C-alpha atoms as a PDB file:
ATOM      1  CA  MET A   1      67.915 178.956  44.751  1.00  0.00           C
ATOM      2  CA  GLN A   2      70.215 175.944  45.045  1.00  0.00           C
ATOM      3  CA  GLN A   3      69.474 175.659  48.766  1.00  0.00           C
ATOM      4  CA  ILE A   4      65.738 175.694  48.052  1.00  0.00           C
ATOM      5  CA  LYS A   5      66.210 172.812  45.608  1.00  0.00           C
ATOM      6  CA  VAL A   6      68.082 170.858  48.285  1.00  0.00           C
ATOM      7  CA  TRP A   7      65.268 171.306  50.827  1.00  0.00           C
ATOM      8  CA  LEU A   8      62.668 170.376  48.211  1.00  0.00           C
ATOM      9  CA  SER A   9      64.690 167.243  47.519  1.00  0.00           C
ATOM     10  CA  ALA A  10      64.720 166.446  51.237  1.00  0.00           C
ATOM     11  CA  ALA A  11      60.951 167.040  51.385  1.00  0.00           C
ATOM     12  CA  ARG A  12      60.483 164.356  48.676  1.00  0.00           C
ATOM     13  CA  LEU A  13      57.506 165.947  46.956  1.00  0.00           C
ATOM     14  CA  ARG A  14      56.551 162.689  45.250  1.00  0.00           C
ATOM     15  CA  THR A  15      55.429 161.299  48.635  1.00  0.00           C
ATOM     16  CA  LEU A  16      53.024 164.148  49.387  1.00  0.00           C
ATOM     17  CA  PRO A  17      50.011 162.960  47.306  1.00  0.00           C
ATOM     18  CA  LEU A  18      49.812 159.740  49.332  1.00  0.00           C
ATOM     19  CA  SER A  19      49.949 161.725  52.583  1.00  0.00           C
ATOM     20  CA  ILE A  20      46.731 163.600  51.752  1.00  0.00           C
ATOM     21  CA  SER A  21      44.802 160.612  50.375  1.00  0.00           C
ATOM     22  CA  GLY A  22      43.269 159.867  53.769  1.00  0.00           C
ATOM     23  CA  ILE A  23      42.278 163.508  54.211  1.00  0.00           C
ATOM     24  CA  LEU A  24      40.546 163.512  50.830  1.00  0.00           C
ATOM     25  CA  VAL A  25      38.587 160.355  51.633  1.00  0.00           C
ATOM     26  CA  GLY A  26      37.599 161.410  55.154  1.00  0.00           C
ATOM     27  CA  ASN A  27      36.336 164.747  53.888  1.00  0.00           C
ATOM     28  CA  ALA A  28      34.634 163.183  50.868  1.00  0.00           C
ATOM     29  CA  LEU A  29      32.376 161.194  53.170  1.00  0.00           C
ATOM     30  CA  SER A  30      31.236 164.395  54.877  1.00  0.00           C
ATOM     31  CA  LEU A  31      30.947 166.584  51.756  1.00  0.00           C
ATOM     32  CA  ASN A  32      27.162 166.591  51.473  1.00  0.00           C
ATOM     33  CA  GLN A  33      26.523 167.402  55.118  1.00  0.00           C
ATOM     34  CA  PRO A  34      25.366 170.935  56.012  1.00  0.00           C
ATOM     35  CA  ASP A  35      28.179 171.402  58.538  1.00  0.00           C
ATOM     36  CA  PHE A  36      30.965 170.661  56.052  1.00  0.00           C
ATOM     37  CA  SER A  37      33.720 173.307  56.174  1.00  0.00           C
ATOM     38  CA  TRP A  38      36.061 173.966  53.234  1.00  0.00           C
ATOM     39  CA  SER A  39      38.417 175.968  55.457  1.00  0.00           C
ATOM     40  CA  LEU A  40      38.835 172.973  57.774  1.00  0.00           C
ATOM     41  CA  PHE A  41      39.434 170.790  54.721  1.00  0.00           C
ATOM     42  CA  VAL A  42      42.267 173.037  53.507  1.00  0.00           C
ATOM     43  CA  LEU A  43      43.808 173.200  56.971  1.00  0.00           C
ATOM     44  CA  MET A  44      43.725 169.404  57.224  1.00  0.00           C
ATOM     45  CA  LEU A  45      45.525 169.115  53.875  1.00  0.00           C
ATOM     46  CA  LEU A  46      48.252 171.541  54.970  1.00  0.00           C
ATOM     47  CA  THR A  47      48.668 169.799  58.336  1.00  0.00           C
ATOM     48  CA  ALA A  48      48.950 166.356  56.736  1.00  0.00           C
ATOM     49  CA  ILE A  49      51.535 167.625  54.254  1.00  0.00           C
ATOM     50  CA  SER A  50      53.579 169.154  57.073  1.00  0.00           C
ATOM     51  CA  PHE A  51      53.577 165.854  58.986  1.00  0.00           C
ATOM     52  CA  GLN A  52      54.795 164.035  55.864  1.00  0.00           C
ATOM     53  CA  ILE A  53      57.609 166.529  55.343  1.00  0.00           C
ATOM     54  CA  ILE A  54      58.699 166.002  58.955  1.00  0.00           C
ATOM     55  CA  SER A  55      58.769 162.264  58.257  1.00  0.00           C
ATOM     56  CA  ASN A  56      60.808 162.717  55.086  1.00  0.00           C
ATOM     57  CA  PHE A  57      63.345 164.971  56.796  1.00  0.00           C
ATOM     58  CA  ALA A  58      63.564 162.544  59.723  1.00  0.00           C
ATOM     59  CA  ASN A  59      63.982 159.495  57.456  1.00  0.00           C
ATOM     60  CA  ASP A  60      66.782 161.253  55.627  1.00  0.00           C
ATOM     61  CA  TYR A  61      68.428 162.103  58.939  1.00  0.00           C
ATOM     62  CA  GLY A  62      67.836 158.791  60.748  1.00  0.00           C
ATOM     63  CA  ASP A  63      68.881 156.482  57.915  1.00  0.00           C
ATOM     64  CA  GLY A  64      71.833 158.748  57.134  1.00  0.00           C
ATOM     65  CA  VAL A  65      73.151 158.770  60.699  1.00  0.00           C
ATOM     66  CA  LYS A  66      72.706 155.005  61.063  1.00  0.00           C
ATOM     67  CA  GLY A  67      74.516 154.301  57.797  1.00  0.00           C
ATOM     68  CA  THR A  68      71.477 152.697  56.175  1.00  0.00           C
ATOM     69  CA  ASP A  69      71.717 155.162  53.290  1.00  0.00           C
ATOM     70  CA  ASN A  70      74.931 153.887  51.742  1.00  0.00           C
ATOM     71  CA  GLU A  71      76.276 153.113  48.279  1.00  0.00           C
ATOM     72  CA  ASN A  72      74.327 149.834  48.217  1.00  0.00           C
ATOM     73  CA  ARG A  73      70.916 151.458  48.698  1.00  0.00           C
ATOM     74  CA  ILE A  74      68.759 151.190  45.571  1.00  0.00           C
ATOM     75  CA  GLY A  75      66.374 154.111  46.060  1.00  0.00           C
ATOM     76  CA  PRO A  76      66.920 157.795  45.253  1.00  0.00           C
ATOM     77  CA  LYS A  77      69.949 159.421  46.892  1.00  0.00           C
ATOM     78  CA  ARG A  78      69.116 161.479  49.964  1.00  0.00           C
ATOM     79  CA  VAL A  79      70.513 164.863  50.939  1.00  0.00           C
ATOM     80  CA  LEU A  80      72.471 163.801  54.032  1.00  0.00           C
ATOM     81  CA  GLN A  81      73.844 160.816  52.158  1.00  0.00           C
ATOM     82  CA  GLN A  82      75.114 163.159  49.426  1.00  0.00           C
ATOM     83  CA  GLY A  83      76.468 165.724  51.888  1.00  0.00           C
ATOM     84  CA  LEU A  84      74.094 168.414  50.626  1.00  0.00           C
ATOM     85  CA  LEU A  85      72.976 169.211  54.187  1.00  0.00           C
ATOM     86  CA  SER A  86      74.802 168.629  57.469  1.00  0.00           C
ATOM     87  CA  LYS A  87      73.321 166.593  60.311  1.00  0.00           C
ATOM     88  CA  GLN A  88      72.715 169.700  62.403  1.00  0.00           C
ATOM     89  CA  VAL A  89      71.076 171.678  59.604  1.00  0.00           C
ATOM     90  CA  LEU A  90      68.763 168.762  58.769  1.00  0.00           C
ATOM     91  CA  LYS A  91      67.944 168.326  62.466  1.00  0.00           C
ATOM     92  CA  ASN A  92      67.045 172.041  62.617  1.00  0.00           C
ATOM     93  CA  GLY A  93      64.766 171.498  59.625  1.00  0.00           C
ATOM     94  CA  ILE A  94      62.970 168.715  61.497  1.00  0.00           C
ATOM     95  CA  ILE A  95      62.455 170.997  64.498  1.00  0.00           C
ATOM     96  CA  VAL A  96      61.155 173.899  62.385  1.00  0.00           C
ATOM     97  CA  MET A  97      58.730 171.675  60.451  1.00  0.00           C
ATOM     98  CA  SER A  98      57.525 170.124  63.716  1.00  0.00           C
ATOM     99  CA  LEU A  99      56.685 173.579  65.050  1.00  0.00           C
ATOM    100  CA  VAL A 100      54.940 174.495  61.796  1.00  0.00           C
ATOM    101  CA  ALA A 101      52.910 171.272  61.879  1.00  0.00           C
ATOM    102  CA  LEU A 102      51.865 171.778  65.504  1.00  0.00           C
ATOM    103  CA  LEU A 103      50.921 175.406  64.794  1.00  0.00           C
ATOM    104  CA  LEU A 104      48.726 174.314  61.886  1.00  0.00           C
ATOM    105  CA  ALA A 105      47.229 171.561  64.037  1.00  0.00           C
ATOM    106  CA  CYS A 106      46.429 174.035  66.822  1.00  0.00           C
ATOM    107  CA  ILE A 107      44.716 176.415  64.389  1.00  0.00           C
ATOM    108  CA  LEU A 108      42.754 173.487  62.944  1.00  0.00           C
ATOM    109  CA  ILE A 109      41.712 172.247  66.402  1.00  0.00           C
ATOM    110  CA  PHE A 110      40.678 175.717  67.560  1.00  0.00           C
ATOM    111  CA  ILE A 111      38.525 176.361  64.490  1.00  0.00           C
ATOM    112  CA  ALA A 112      37.007 172.876  64.616  1.00  0.00           C
ATOM    113  CA  PHE A 113      36.233 172.670  68.332  1.00  0.00           C
ATOM    114  CA  GLY A 114      36.807 176.120  69.852  1.00  0.00           C
ATOM    115  CA  ALA A 115      36.474 176.463  73.591  1.00  0.00           C
ATOM    116  CA  GLN A 116      33.209 174.515  73.692  1.00  0.00           C
ATOM    117  CA  SER A 117      34.708 171.068  73.070  1.00  0.00           C
ATOM    118  CA  LEU A 118      37.817 171.044  75.208  1.00  0.00           C
ATOM    119  CA  VAL A 119      37.869 167.251  75.461  1.00  0.00           C
ATOM    120  CA  TYR A 120      37.855 166.782  71.693  1.00  0.00           C
ATOM    121  CA  GLY A 121      40.428 169.542  71.330  1.00  0.00           C
ATOM    122  CA  ALA A 122      42.707 167.875  73.879  1.00  0.00           C
ATOM    123  CA  ILE A 123      42.359 164.484  72.179  1.00  0.00           C
ATOM    124  CA  PHE A 124      43.276 165.888  68.777  1.00  0.00           C
ATOM    125  CA  PHE A 125      46.196 167.866  70.209  1.00  0.00           C
ATOM    126  CA  VAL A 126      47.542 164.620  71.662  1.00  0.00           C
ATOM    127  CA  LEU A 127      47.045 163.005  68.233  1.00  0.00           C
ATOM    128  CA  ALA A 128      49.023 165.866  66.684  1.00  0.00           C
ATOM    129  CA  LEU A 129      51.871 165.302  69.146  1.00  0.00           C
ATOM    130  CA  LEU A 130      51.770 161.563  68.435  1.00  0.00           C
ATOM    131  CA  SER A 131      51.846 162.272  64.701  1.00  0.00           C
ATOM    132  CA  VAL A 132      55.029 164.316  65.108  1.00  0.00           C
ATOM    133  CA  TRP A 133      56.527 161.571  67.282  1.00  0.00           C
ATOM    134  CA  ALA A 134      55.588 158.887  64.753  1.00  0.00           C
ATOM    135  CA  ALA A 135      56.994 160.922  61.862  1.00  0.00           C
ATOM    136  CA  ILE A 136      60.353 161.281  63.615  1.00  0.00           C
ATOM    137  CA  SER A 137      60.657 157.977  65.448  1.00  0.00           C
ATOM    138  CA  TYR A 138      60.319 155.788  62.350  1.00  0.00           C
ATOM    139  CA  THR A 139      64.079 156.020  61.784  1.00  0.00           C
ATOM    140  CA  VAL A 140      65.453 158.409  64.429  1.00  0.00           C
ATOM    141  CA  GLY A 141      66.722 157.189  67.799  1.00  0.00           C
ATOM    142  CA  VAL A 142      68.022 153.925  69.212  1.00  0.00           C
ATOM    143  CA  LYS A 143      64.460 152.583  69.464  1.00  0.00           C
ATOM    144  CA  ALA A 144      63.318 153.638  65.979  1.00  0.00           C
ATOM    145  CA  TYR A 145      60.238 151.509  65.315  1.00  0.00           C
ATOM    146  CA  GLY A 146      60.975 151.250  61.580  1.00  0.00           C
ATOM    147  CA  TYR A 147      64.031 149.196  62.497  1.00  0.00           C
ATOM    148  CA  ARG A 148      61.896 146.742  64.506  1.00  0.00           C
ATOM    149  CA  GLY A 149      59.289 145.756  61.943  1.00  0.00           C
ATOM    150  CA  LEU A 150      56.586 148.136  63.209  1.00  0.00           C
ATOM    151  CA  GLY A 151      56.506 150.594  60.321  1.00  0.00           C
ATOM    152  CA  ASP A 152      53.535 148.947  58.607  1.00  0.00           C
ATOM    153  CA  PHE A 153      51.410 149.120  61.747  1.00  0.00           C
ATOM    154  CA  PHE A 154      52.049 152.834  62.257  1.00  0.00           C
ATOM    155  CA  VAL A 155      51.403 153.624  58.593  1.00  0.00           C
ATOM    156  CA  LEU A 156      48.079 151.776  58.830  1.00  0.00           C
ATOM    157  CA  LEU A 157      47.244 153.633  62.038  1.00  0.00           C
ATOM    158  CA  PHE A 158      48.138 157.169  60.952  1.00  0.00           C
ATOM    159  CA  PHE A 159      47.489 157.176  57.189  1.00  0.00           C
ATOM    160  CA  GLY A 160      44.258 155.236  57.550  1.00  0.00           C
ATOM    161  CA  GLY A 161      42.991 155.698  61.083  1.00  0.00           C
ATOM    162  CA  VAL A 162      44.034 159.222  61.965  1.00  0.00           C
ATOM    163  CA  GLY A 163      43.906 160.509  58.384  1.00  0.00           C
ATOM    164  CA  VAL A 164      40.478 159.244  57.338  1.00  0.00           C
ATOM    165  CA  LEU A 165      38.629 158.837  60.638  1.00  0.00           C
ATOM    166  CA  GLY A 166      40.190 161.935  62.157  1.00  0.00           C
ATOM    167  CA  SER A 167      39.301 164.219  59.248  1.00  0.00           C
ATOM    168  CA  TYR A 168      35.738 162.857  59.123  1.00  0.00           C
ATOM    169  CA  PHE A 169      35.295 163.416  62.868  1.00  0.00           C
ATOM    170  CA  ILE A 170      36.675 166.953  62.679  1.00  0.00           C
ATOM    171  CA  GLN A 171      34.018 167.786  60.089  1.00  0.00           C
ATOM    172  CA  LEU A 172      30.982 165.984  61.572  1.00  0.00           C
ATOM    173  CA  LYS A 173      31.916 165.065  65.173  1.00  0.00           C
ATOM    174  CA  ALA A 174      30.768 161.497  64.459  1.00  0.00           C
ATOM    175  CA  PHE A 175      31.817 158.143  62.982  1.00  0.00           C
ATOM    176  CA  SER A 176      30.203 155.713  60.527  1.00  0.00           C
ATOM    177  CA  TRP A 177      30.828 152.232  59.134  1.00  0.00           C
ATOM    178  CA  PRO A 178      31.801 153.458  55.630  1.00  0.00           C
ATOM    179  CA  VAL A 179      34.442 155.767  57.071  1.00  0.00           C
ATOM    180  CA  LEU A 180      35.876 152.957  59.198  1.00  0.00           C
ATOM    181  CA  LEU A 181      36.097 150.626  56.182  1.00  0.00           C
ATOM    182  CA  LEU A 182      37.580 153.268  53.879  1.00  0.00           C
ATOM    183  CA  GLY A 183      40.030 154.303  56.583  1.00  0.00           C
ATOM    184  CA  LEU A 184      41.248 150.722  56.781  1.00  0.00           C
ATOM    185  CA  ALA A 185      41.454 150.526  52.975  1.00  0.00           C
ATOM    186  CA  ILE A 186      43.583 153.679  52.652  1.00  0.00           C
ATOM    187  CA  GLY A 187      45.771 152.446  55.505  1.00  0.00           C
ATOM    188  CA  LEU A 188      46.290 149.104  53.732  1.00  0.00           C
ATOM    189  CA  PHE A 189      47.188 150.789  50.442  1.00  0.00           C
ATOM    190  CA  SER A 190      49.657 153.038  52.294  1.00  0.00           C
ATOM    191  CA  ALA A 191      51.189 150.024  54.029  1.00  0.00           C
ATOM    192  CA  ALA A 192      51.554 148.430  50.583  1.00  0.00           C
ATOM    193  CA  VAL A 193      53.611 151.439  49.464  1.00  0.00           C
ATOM    194  CA  LEU A 194      55.890 151.005  52.466  1.00  0.00           C
ATOM    195  CA  ASN A 195      56.092 147.269  51.787  1.00  0.00           C
ATOM    196  CA  LEU A 196      57.285 147.951  48.223  1.00  0.00           C
ATOM    197  CA  ASN A 197      59.874 150.378  49.559  1.00  0.00           C
ATOM    198  CA  ASN A 198      61.099 147.718  51.978  1.00  0.00           C
ATOM    199  CA  MET A 199      61.079 144.969  49.343  1.00  0.00           C
ATOM    200  CA  ARG A 200      63.270 147.202  47.199  1.00  0.00           C
ATOM    201  CA  ASP A 201      65.710 147.792  50.080  1.00  0.00           C
ATOM    202  CA  ARG A 202      65.456 144.321  51.665  1.00  0.00           C
ATOM    203  CA  ILE A 203      69.028 143.169  51.026  1.00  0.00           C
ATOM    204  CA  ASN A 204      70.739 146.347  52.202  1.00  0.00           C
ATOM    205  CA  ASP A 205      68.374 146.729  55.173  1.00  0.00           C
ATOM    206  CA  GLY A 206      69.202 143.195  56.268  1.00  0.00           C
ATOM    207  CA  VAL A 207      72.938 143.876  56.073  1.00  0.00           C
ATOM    208  CA  VAL A 208      72.798 147.083  58.142  1.00  0.00           C
ATOM    209  CA  GLY A 209      70.389 145.643  60.730  1.00  0.00           C
ATOM    210  CA  LYS A 210      67.212 147.480  59.734  1.00  0.00           C
ATOM    211  CA  LYS A 211      64.660 144.779  60.578  1.00  0.00           C
ATOM    212  CA  THR A 212      61.699 145.849  58.499  1.00  0.00           C
ATOM    213  CA  LEU A 213      58.749 143.480  58.218  1.00  0.00           C
ATOM    214  CA  VAL A 214      60.062 142.449  54.781  1.00  0.00           C
ATOM    215  CA  VAL A 215      63.442 141.519  56.262  1.00  0.00           C
ATOM    216  CA  LEU A 216      61.678 139.478  58.946  1.00  0.00           C
ATOM    217  CA  LEU A 217      59.307 137.773  56.486  1.00  0.00           C
ATOM    218  CA  GLY A 218      61.701 137.113  53.623  1.00  0.00           C
ATOM    219  CA  ALA A 219      61.229 137.854  49.924  1.00  0.00           C
ATOM    220  CA  LYS A 220      58.525 135.281  49.051  1.00  0.00           C
ATOM    221  CA  ALA A 221      56.373 135.887  52.127  1.00  0.00           C
ATOM    222  CA  ALA A 222      56.676 139.665  51.619  1.00  0.00           C
ATOM    223  CA  LYS A 223      55.143 139.264  48.151  1.00  0.00           C
ATOM    224  CA  ARG A 224      52.261 137.239  49.574  1.00  0.00           C
ATOM    225  CA  TYR A 225      51.784 139.858  52.279  1.00  0.00           C
ATOM    226  CA  HIS A 226      51.709 142.525  49.549  1.00  0.00           C
ATOM    227  CA  PHE A 227      48.888 140.697  47.772  1.00  0.00           C
ATOM    228  CA  ILE A 228      46.961 140.507  51.049  1.00  0.00           C
ATOM    229  CA  LEU A 229      47.346 144.260  51.610  1.00  0.00           C
ATOM    230  CA  ILE A 230      46.218 145.283  48.109  1.00  0.00           C
ATOM    231  CA  GLY A 231      43.526 142.595  47.839  1.00  0.00           C
ATOM    232  CA  SER A 232      42.001 143.406  51.228  1.00  0.00           C
ATOM    233  CA  ALA A 233      41.930 147.129  50.445  1.00  0.00           C
ATOM    234  CA  MET A 234      40.211 146.483  47.105  1.00  0.00           C
ATOM    235  CA  LEU A 235      37.624 144.295  48.821  1.00  0.00           C
ATOM    236  CA  LEU A 236      36.866 146.990  51.386  1.00  0.00           C
ATOM    237  CA  ILE A 237      36.445 149.626  48.652  1.00  0.00           C
ATOM    238  CA  THR A 238      34.048 147.295  46.846  1.00  0.00           C
ATOM    239  CA  ILE A 239      32.002 146.623  49.994  1.00  0.00           C
ATOM    240  CA  VAL A 240      31.649 150.336  50.781  1.00  0.00           C
ATOM    241  CA  PHE A 241      30.398 151.281  47.337  1.00  0.00           C
ATOM    242  CA  LEU A 242      28.060 148.302  47.146  1.00  0.00           C
ATOM    243  CA  ILE A 243      26.334 149.306  50.378  1.00  0.00           C
ATOM    244  CA  THR A 244      26.396 153.048  49.643  1.00  0.00           C
ATOM    245  CA  SER A 245      23.585 154.521  47.578  1.00  0.00           C
ATOM    246  CA  CYS A 246      25.584 156.571  45.107  1.00  0.00           C
ATOM    247  CA  THR A 247      24.653 157.209  41.462  1.00  0.00           C
ATOM    248  CA  PHE A 248      28.233 157.152  40.218  1.00  0.00           C
ATOM    249  CA  PHE A 249      29.460 154.351  42.500  1.00  0.00           C
ATOM    250  CA  TRP A 250      31.513 152.838  39.661  1.00  0.00           C
ATOM    251  CA  ILE A 251      33.893 155.790  39.212  1.00  0.00           C
ATOM    252  CA  PRO A 252      36.406 154.896  41.987  1.00  0.00           C
ATOM    253  CA  PHE A 253      36.841 151.426  40.514  1.00  0.00           C
ATOM    254  CA  ILE A 254      38.725 153.004  37.606  1.00  0.00           C
ATOM    255  CA  ALA A 255      41.659 153.505  39.986  1.00  0.00           C
ATOM    256  CA  LEU A 256      41.717 149.794  40.811  1.00  0.00           C
ATOM    257  CA  ILE A 257      42.635 148.840  37.220  1.00  0.00           C
ATOM    258  CA  PRO A 258      46.304 149.958  37.483  1.00  0.00           C
ATOM    259  CA  LEU A 259      46.494 148.251  40.872  1.00  0.00           C
ATOM    260  CA  ILE A 260      45.402 144.930  39.359  1.00  0.00           C
ATOM    261  CA  MET A 261      48.035 145.370  36.639  1.00  0.00           C
ATOM    262  CA  HIS A 262      50.536 146.171  39.393  1.00  0.00           C
ATOM    263  CA  LEU A 263      49.853 142.868  41.154  1.00  0.00           C
ATOM    264  CA  ILE A 264      50.418 140.968  37.901  1.00  0.00           C
ATOM    265  CA  ARG A 265      53.726 142.801  37.530  1.00  0.00           C
ATOM    266  CA  ILE A 266      54.780 141.992  41.111  1.00  0.00           C
ATOM    267  CA  ILE A 267      54.540 138.248  40.432  1.00  0.00           C
ATOM    268  CA  LYS A 268      57.229 138.532  37.750  1.00  0.00           C
ATOM    269  CA  ILE A 269      59.725 140.736  39.612  1.00  0.00           C
ATOM    270  CA  SER A 270      62.955 139.115  40.776  1.00  0.00           C
ATOM    271  CA  ASP A 271      65.322 142.115  40.753  1.00  0.00           C
ATOM    272  CA  PRO A 272      64.712 144.417  43.782  1.00  0.00           C
ATOM    273  CA  LYS A 273      65.431 147.479  41.603  1.00  0.00           C
ATOM    274  CA  GLN A 274      62.206 146.788  39.708  1.00  0.00           C
ATOM    275  CA  PHE A 275      60.134 147.475  42.824  1.00  0.00           C
ATOM    276  CA  ASP A 276      60.953 151.202  42.727  1.00  0.00           C
ATOM    277  CA  PRO A 277      58.689 152.178  39.781  1.00  0.00           C
ATOM    278  CA  GLU A 278      55.934 149.977  41.262  1.00  0.00           C
ATOM    279  CA  LEU A 279      56.148 151.974  44.479  1.00  0.00           C
ATOM    280  CA  LYS A 280      55.270 155.142  42.559  1.00  0.00           C
ATOM    281  CA  LYS A 281      52.394 153.374  40.790  1.00  0.00           C
ATOM    282  CA  VAL A 282      50.717 152.269  44.018  1.00  0.00           C
ATOM    283  CA  ALA A 283      51.220 155.651  45.709  1.00  0.00           C
ATOM    284  CA  LEU A 284      49.758 157.559  42.755  1.00  0.00           C
ATOM    285  CA  SER A 285      46.962 155.010  42.264  1.00  0.00           C
ATOM    286  CA  THR A 286      45.959 155.433  45.917  1.00  0.00           C
ATOM    287  CA  PHE A 287      45.924 159.198  45.483  1.00  0.00           C
ATOM    288  CA  PHE A 288      43.963 158.829  42.223  1.00  0.00           C
ATOM    289  CA  LEU A 289      41.480 156.576  44.030  1.00  0.00           C
ATOM    290  CA  SER A 290      41.017 159.131  46.809  1.00  0.00           C
ATOM    291  CA  VAL A 291      40.436 161.910  44.254  1.00  0.00           C
ATOM    292  CA  LEU A 292      37.850 159.773  42.437  1.00  0.00           C
ATOM    293  CA  ILE A 293      36.093 158.989  45.730  1.00  0.00           C
ATOM    294  CA  PHE A 294      36.032 162.708  46.492  1.00  0.00           C
ATOM    295  CA  ILE A 295      34.590 163.567  43.051  1.00  0.00           C
ATOM    296  CA  THR A 296      32.066 160.701  43.196  1.00  0.00           C
ATOM    297  CA  LEU A 297      30.660 161.759  46.548  1.00  0.00           C
ATOM    298  CA  LEU A 298      30.767 165.437  45.566  1.00  0.00           C
ATOM    299  CA  ILE A 299      28.538 164.897  42.531  1.00  0.00           C
ATOM    300  CA  GLY A 300      26.380 162.358  44.387  1.00  0.00           C
END
């Protein structure tokens, strides 16, 4: 039982809602189509969760090995940092979860495309491999992209692009302007969560040589960048629901209220420790937004 608790801690369950936000939105936009498949929807959720768990295991391992997770780090203690799992055991966990994720992805691809769409199947299998690579390479390896200021770009690409656009295409084998705009919005919100994480850890990251975008920008510019991320995402959400004929178009805007309050709070923060609760607020607000979008489009 204790070992299960350790692995659940390493999986960081609080990050999982954000990881499925893009899947919810991409599927929401295809809900009312005759070809919509609930089984594909469930498989997409499970696959996205497995990719996020790989990322969490890998972040624990990569930052632990590099010494980034030290006594000066503000965020929650990680399992390797606390000595709850050894490097080898955690590495084995990454390998096992990678195999699980790829198995789920293969099942999803086969059901979605079968043998009749080999090109699409091949493209999505490559995307699955890239998702595993991205999940691991954020902190693991000498060329970890999270240590070179590229984390925000990959979060935007995978949480928004692959998550929203990919799930929509799997359902309908097509694209649309609303899905492109909402994919960008979810990607921007997800990048804002990462930005908060990096603003919280800015001082320690700078000392250990982890050159996140926040470290490169500096504290004041990182706050301005945060406002651009949240503000742009809100604008995109507004545009989509203004141009979409939906009876209950106003429902998703409920989720924007805590985000506006969050931005007011960010202006006043001077102690990096105070960014940690804001990180949770944005992650949960993004998930709440995706759920409201799903419900809104479900009921028409």
